Amino acid sequence: MAPRPAAAAASPAEPDGAPAAGAGAGPAGPSSASAPGPPPALGKSGKKICCSCPDTRRPRDECVVLHGPDPDGPCGPLIAAHRACLRSEGFDA
């Protein structure tokens, strides 16, 4: 029986031989064992930006879903209030 020719690399590669973007990153993305990114920024209340200002975020989000994100539209005051709240927490919004 003749030996089999060497198979191509298991993951796709770019023409220059570099791994293709996302190659070897499995379904969950890159391994978390690599160097972690910087810790999330916390506001003055100790919360991340996604958890800050829920009292202004919820009405803003509901309005934007119904009417769109135009700051000059009906949601403008809600958008401005949420941004002001985030700025008061120390975020650059």
Protein backbone atom coordinates (compact mmCIF):
# COMPACT_ATOMS: atom_id res chain seq x y z
CA MET A 1 0.00 0.00 0.00
CA ALA A 2 1.42 3.42 -0.97
CA PRO A 3 1.91 6.08 1.73
CA ARG A 4 -0.71 8.80 1.83
CA PRO A 5 0.36 12.31 0.82
CA ALA A 6 0.63 14.81 3.64
CA ALA A 7 -2.74 16.35 4.34
CA ALA A 8 -3.25 20.09 4.38
CA ALA A 9 -3.25 21.83 7.74
CA ALA A 10 -6.34 21.15 9.85
CA SER A 11 -7.29 24.81 9.94
CA PRO A 12 -7.54 27.09 6.92
CA ALA A 13 -4.62 29.40 6.24
CA GLU A 14 -4.08 32.62 4.38
CA PRO A 15 -1.93 32.50 1.20
CA ASP A 16 1.12 33.69 3.16
CA GLY A 17 0.79 30.72 5.51
CA ALA A 18 -0.65 32.67 8.44
CA PRO A 19 -3.72 31.15 10.09
CA ALA A 20 -7.01 32.50 8.81
CA ALA A 21 -8.90 34.89 11.07
CA GLY A 22 -10.68 32.90 13.74
CA ALA A 23 -8.85 29.69 12.87
CA GLY A 24 -8.57 27.41 15.87
CA ALA A 25 -10.91 29.58 17.91
CA GLY A 26 -13.57 26.90 18.48
CA PRO A 27 -17.27 27.69 18.82
CA ALA A 28 -16.84 29.73 22.01
CA GLY A 29 -14.19 32.05 20.56
CA PRO A 30 -10.59 32.42 21.58
CA SER A 31 -9.39 30.65 24.67
CA SER A 32 -9.75 32.61 27.89
CA ALA A 33 -6.40 31.19 28.97
CA SER A 34 -4.64 33.90 26.98
CA ALA A 35 -3.82 37.23 28.61
CA PRO A 36 -7.06 38.77 29.91
CA GLY A 37 -8.02 42.26 28.82
CA PRO A 38 -8.20 45.18 31.20
CA PRO A 39 -10.88 44.97 33.88
CA PRO A 40 -14.16 46.67 33.00
CA ALA A 41 -14.41 50.35 33.89
CA LEU A 42 -16.59 51.02 36.91
CA GLY A 43 -18.62 54.12 37.56
CA LYS A 44 -18.79 56.07 40.80
CA SER A 45 -21.45 53.67 42.09
CA GLY A 46 -19.12 50.71 41.46
CA LYS A 47 -21.18 49.40 38.53
CA LYS A 48 -20.15 48.69 34.94
CA ILE A 49 -21.64 50.97 32.27
CA CYS A 50 -24.15 48.28 31.24
CA CYS A 51 -25.61 48.19 34.77
CA SER A 52 -25.49 51.92 35.51
CA CYS A 53 -28.52 54.22 35.26
CA PRO A 54 -31.28 51.59 34.86
CA ASP A 55 -33.96 54.21 35.58
CA THR A 56 -33.02 56.19 32.48
CA ARG A 57 -31.84 53.27 30.33
CA ARG A 58 -35.10 51.32 30.28
CA PRO A 59 -37.39 54.14 29.05
CA ARG A 60 -34.73 55.23 26.54
CA ASP A 61 -34.42 51.69 25.16
CA GLU A 62 -38.20 51.24 24.89
CA CYS A 63 -38.56 54.56 23.08
CA VAL A 64 -35.71 53.81 20.67
CA VAL A 65 -37.26 50.43 19.80
CA LEU A 66 -40.57 52.10 18.96
CA HIS A 67 -39.38 55.35 17.37
CA GLY A 68 -35.72 54.94 16.36
CA PRO A 69 -32.52 56.45 17.75
CA ASP A 70 -32.85 59.94 16.21
CA PRO A 71 -31.69 62.37 18.95
CA ASP A 72 -33.93 65.05 17.39
CA GLY A 73 -36.96 62.74 17.44
CA PRO A 74 -39.37 61.90 20.23
CA CYS A 75 -36.69 59.99 22.17
CA GLY A 76 -34.22 62.88 22.25
CA PRO A 77 -34.95 63.93 25.84
CA LEU A 78 -34.71 60.32 27.07
CA ILE A 79 -31.41 59.80 25.23
CA ALA A 80 -30.02 63.05 26.66
CA ALA A 81 -31.14 62.13 30.20
CA HIS A 82 -29.46 58.72 29.99
CA ARG A 83 -26.22 60.21 28.66
CA ALA A 84 -26.25 62.80 31.46
CA CYS A 85 -26.73 60.02 34.01
CA LEU A 86 -23.81 58.04 32.56
CA ARG A 87 -21.61 61.15 32.63
CA SER A 88 -22.55 61.74 36.27
CA GLU A 89 -21.30 58.19 36.94
CA GLY A 90 -17.96 59.14 35.39
CA PHE A 91 -18.37 57.43 32.02
CA ASP A 92 -17.42 59.14 28.75
CA ALA A 93 -20.80 59.07 27.04
